[in-house]
Protein backbone atom coordinates (compact mmCIF):
# COMPACT_ATOMS: atom_id res chain seq x y z
CA MET A 1 97.37 119.40 102.16
CA THR A 2 96.96 116.28 104.36
CA ASN A 3 99.74 113.87 104.91
CA VAL A 4 99.33 110.25 106.22
CA GLN A 5 101.81 108.40 107.89
CA VAL A 6 101.67 104.13 109.03
CA LEU A 7 104.68 102.69 110.78
CA ILE A 8 104.67 99.27 110.61
CA PRO A 9 106.08 97.35 113.51
CA ASN A 10 109.37 94.84 113.58
CA THR A 11 106.54 92.05 115.10
CA MET A 12 104.22 91.83 112.15
CA ASP A 13 104.75 89.24 109.42
CA ASP A 14 107.34 91.02 106.40
CA SER A 15 105.11 89.37 104.05
CA GLU A 16 101.78 90.30 105.28
CA ALA A 17 103.32 93.71 105.55
CA ASN A 18 104.53 94.12 102.14
CA ARG A 19 101.21 92.58 100.91
CA ILE A 20 98.95 94.98 103.38
CA LEU A 21 100.92 98.10 102.23
CA THR A 22 101.46 97.10 98.26
CA HIS A 23 97.42 96.53 98.24
CA GLN A 24 97.45 100.23 100.35
CA SER A 25 99.72 102.11 97.83
CA LEU A 26 98.42 100.93 94.69
CA SER A 27 94.36 101.68 96.10
CA MET A 28 95.69 105.40 97.47
CA SER A 29 97.53 106.10 93.69
CA GLU A 30 94.69 105.30 92.29
CA ALA A 31 92.14 107.62 94.43
CA LYS A 32 91.01 110.99 93.83
CA GLY A 33 93.01 113.65 95.27
CA ASN A 34 96.37 111.50 96.08
CA ILE A 35 99.34 113.41 95.28
CA GLU A 36 102.39 110.74 96.35
CA VAL A 37 102.61 107.68 97.96
CA LYS A 38 106.12 106.62 98.97
CA VAL A 39 106.95 103.03 100.86
CA SER A 40 110.46 102.88 102.89
CA LYS A 41 113.15 101.15 101.60
CA GLY A 42 115.82 99.10 103.85
CA ALA A 43 115.59 99.80 107.89
CA ILE A 44 113.73 102.69 109.82
CA MET A 45 116.08 104.73 111.73
CA SER A 46 116.50 106.97 114.29
CA PRO A 47 119.20 109.02 116.10
CA GLY A 48 118.53 106.76 119.42
CA GLY A 49 119.36 103.82 117.79
CA PRO A 50 117.26 100.52 116.46
CA THR A 51 113.46 101.27 115.90
CA PRO A 52 110.56 99.50 116.66
CA TYR A 53 109.08 99.89 113.13
CA GLY A 54 110.13 98.02 109.99
CA MET A 55 108.48 99.89 107.72
CA ALA A 56 106.83 103.00 106.60
CA MET A 57 104.51 104.69 104.37
CA THR A 58 103.76 108.22 103.41
CA ALA A 59 101.04 109.50 101.61
CA SER A 60 100.25 113.18 100.79
CA TRP A 61 96.32 114.03 99.72
CA ASP A 62 95.20 117.34 98.37
CA SER A 63 92.44 117.59 101.03
CA LEU A 64 91.69 116.18 103.89
CA GLU A 65 88.06 115.59 102.45
CA ASN A 66 89.40 113.93 99.28
CA PHE A 67 91.72 111.72 101.85
CA ILE A 68 88.44 110.93 104.35
CA ALA A 69 86.67 109.86 101.23
CA TRP A 70 89.84 106.88 100.64
CA ALA A 71 89.97 106.30 103.82
CA GLN A 72 86.07 105.20 104.74
CA SER A 73 86.01 103.15 100.71
CA PRO A 74 86.33 99.45 101.42
CA ALA A 75 90.02 99.58 99.50
CA GLY A 76 91.31 102.49 102.18
CA ASP A 77 88.92 100.10 105.32
CA LYS A 78 90.27 97.20 104.41
CA TYR A 79 93.54 96.44 106.46
CA LYS A 80 93.15 99.32 109.09
CA ASP A 81 91.92 96.51 111.59
CA VAL A 82 94.81 94.06 110.73
CA LEU A 83 97.52 97.16 110.82
CA LEU A 84 95.72 98.48 114.00
CA GLU A 85 95.97 94.69 116.17
CA ASN A 86 99.53 94.49 114.73
CA GLY A 87 100.69 97.84 116.72
CA ALA A 88 101.05 99.70 113.58
CA ILE A 89 100.86 103.31 114.16
CA LEU A 90 98.42 105.15 111.20
CA VAL A 91 98.22 108.83 111.89
CA PHE A 92 97.06 111.60 109.26
CA TYR A 93 97.66 115.22 109.72
CA GLU A 94 96.86 118.91 108.11
CA VAL A 95 100.07 120.18 106.84
CA GLU A 96 101.00 123.88 104.77
CA ASP A 97 103.74 124.67 101.89
CA GLY A 98 106.43 126.05 104.29
CA ARG A 99 107.47 128.65 101.34
């Protein structure tokens, strides 16, 4: 399984961030191999105090290949540069079931 994490900085315009996360989460939800998509609600918290991030999205995919296929599609690539130019963090990693 592959997890994807997107952190949106506080400096990004809220309406633009919401528009992008809405598009990305709908696109991911409809893509082959997507298991789930979750978008944060409320503040991004840390035991060290306030964070520089205002929103987060987490998604899970059944395989790295299906995630990469989505990420390289027009829908997956549509806002990547905008997010990176605004200081968002985009990471993905493979995980094992810890049970």
